[in-house]
Amino acid sequence: MIVGELLKAVMALGIEQAMQLRYGALGLLCLFLLGVGFRARNATCMSIGAVIFVILMTQA
């Protein structure tokens, strides 16, 4: 349950950033991978999306 809530919070933050087009295509790829990984319960997609998200946040 906590992981699901954490992912929802990350998705909300990611969507907000994508709407501002601050991160462009890489930000949208991150959201796509997180969304697909969460829905398909694929840990690989979620991990890659999370890593991209962290990289984008550290560059900000």
C-alpha atoms as a PDB file:
ATOM      1  CA  MET A   1       0.000   0.000   0.000  1.00  0.00           C
ATOM      2  CA  ILE A   2       2.789   2.415   0.868  1.00  0.00           C
ATOM      3  CA  VAL A   3       4.590   1.678  -2.394  1.00  0.00           C
ATOM      4  CA  GLY A   4       1.419   2.407  -4.361  1.00  0.00           C
ATOM      5  CA  GLU A   5       0.935   5.725  -2.594  1.00  0.00           C
ATOM      6  CA  LEU A   6       4.571   6.609  -3.167  1.00  0.00           C
ATOM      7  CA  LEU A   7       4.246   5.836  -6.875  1.00  0.00           C
ATOM      8  CA  LYS A   8       1.098   7.986  -7.089  1.00  0.00           C
ATOM      9  CA  ALA A   9       2.975  10.879  -5.517  1.00  0.00           C
ATOM     10  CA  VAL A  10       5.908  10.406  -7.892  1.00  0.00           C
ATOM     11  CA  MET A  11       3.535  10.243 -10.861  1.00  0.00           C
ATOM     12  CA  ALA A  12       1.762  13.434  -9.758  1.00  0.00           C
ATOM     13  CA  LEU A  13       5.056  15.255  -9.446  1.00  0.00           C
ATOM     14  CA  GLY A  14       6.224  13.888 -12.783  1.00  0.00           C
ATOM     15  CA  ILE A  15       3.023  14.935 -14.544  1.00  0.00           C
ATOM     16  CA  GLU A  16       3.357  18.411 -13.118  1.00  0.00           C
ATOM     17  CA  GLN A  17       6.883  18.673 -14.448  1.00  0.00           C
ATOM     18  CA  ALA A  18       5.921  17.291 -17.850  1.00  0.00           C
ATOM     19  CA  MET A  19       3.132  19.837 -18.140  1.00  0.00           C
ATOM     20  CA  GLN A  20       5.687  22.594 -17.737  1.00  0.00           C
ATOM     21  CA  LEU A  21       7.761  20.958 -20.492  1.00  0.00           C
ATOM     22  CA  ARG A  22      10.816  21.449 -18.377  1.00  0.00           C
ATOM     23  CA  TYR A  23      12.195  18.017 -19.129  1.00  0.00           C
ATOM     24  CA  GLY A  24      10.693  17.459 -22.546  1.00  0.00           C
ATOM     25  CA  ALA A  25      10.763  14.053 -24.195  1.00  0.00           C
ATOM     26  CA  LEU A  26      12.898  12.370 -21.524  1.00  0.00           C
ATOM     27  CA  GLY A  27      10.393  13.379 -18.845  1.00  0.00           C
ATOM     28  CA  LEU A  28       7.556  11.934 -20.888  1.00  0.00           C
ATOM     29  CA  LEU A  29       9.537   8.719 -21.396  1.00  0.00           C
ATOM     30  CA  CYS A  30      10.008   8.502 -17.638  1.00  0.00           C
ATOM     31  CA  LEU A  31       6.264   8.885 -17.040  1.00  0.00           C
ATOM     32  CA  PHE A  32       5.494   6.326 -19.717  1.00  0.00           C
ATOM     33  CA  LEU A  33       7.867   3.741 -18.234  1.00  0.00           C
ATOM     34  CA  LEU A  34       6.545   4.318 -14.719  1.00  0.00           C
ATOM     35  CA  GLY A  35       2.949   4.026 -15.883  1.00  0.00           C
ATOM     36  CA  VAL A  36       3.498   0.911 -17.980  1.00  0.00           C
ATOM     37  CA  GLY A  37       5.581  -0.734 -15.278  1.00  0.00           C
ATOM     38  CA  PHE A  38       2.995  -0.005 -12.612  1.00  0.00           C
ATOM     39  CA  ARG A  39       0.055  -1.275 -14.640  1.00  0.00           C
ATOM     40  CA  ALA A  40       1.861  -4.382 -15.899  1.00  0.00           C
ATOM     41  CA  ARG A  41       3.553  -4.959 -12.528  1.00  0.00           C
ATOM     42  CA  ASN A  42       6.871  -5.028 -14.341  1.00  0.00           C
ATOM     43  CA  ALA A  43       9.661  -4.132 -11.932  1.00  0.00           C
ATOM     44  CA  THR A  44      12.154  -3.520 -14.746  1.00  0.00           C
ATOM     45  CA  CYS A  45      10.081  -0.784 -16.384  1.00  0.00           C
ATOM     46  CA  MET A  46       9.343   0.845 -13.042  1.00  0.00           C
ATOM     47  CA  SER A  47      13.009   0.763 -12.056  1.00  0.00           C
ATOM     48  CA  ILE A  48      14.189   2.290 -15.322  1.00  0.00           C
ATOM     49  CA  GLY A  49      11.515   4.978 -15.093  1.00  0.00           C
ATOM     50  CA  ALA A  50      12.453   5.738 -11.493  1.00  0.00           C
ATOM     51  CA  VAL A  51      16.151   5.989 -12.347  1.00  0.00           C
ATOM     52  CA  ILE A  52      15.419   8.388 -15.208  1.00  0.00           C
ATOM     53  CA  PHE A  53      13.197  10.419 -12.888  1.00  0.00           C
ATOM     54  CA  VAL A  54      15.928  10.671 -10.242  1.00  0.00           C
ATOM     55  CA  ILE A  55      18.490  11.700 -12.859  1.00  0.00           C
ATOM     56  CA  LEU A  56      16.179  14.418 -14.133  1.00  0.00           C
ATOM     57  CA  MET A  57      15.499  15.689 -10.622  1.00  0.00           C
ATOM     58  CA  THR A  58      19.189  15.871  -9.726  1.00  0.00           C
ATOM     59  CA  GLN A  59      19.924  17.916 -12.837  1.00  0.00           C
ATOM     60  CA  ALA A  60      17.246  20.487 -11.989  1.00  0.00           C
END
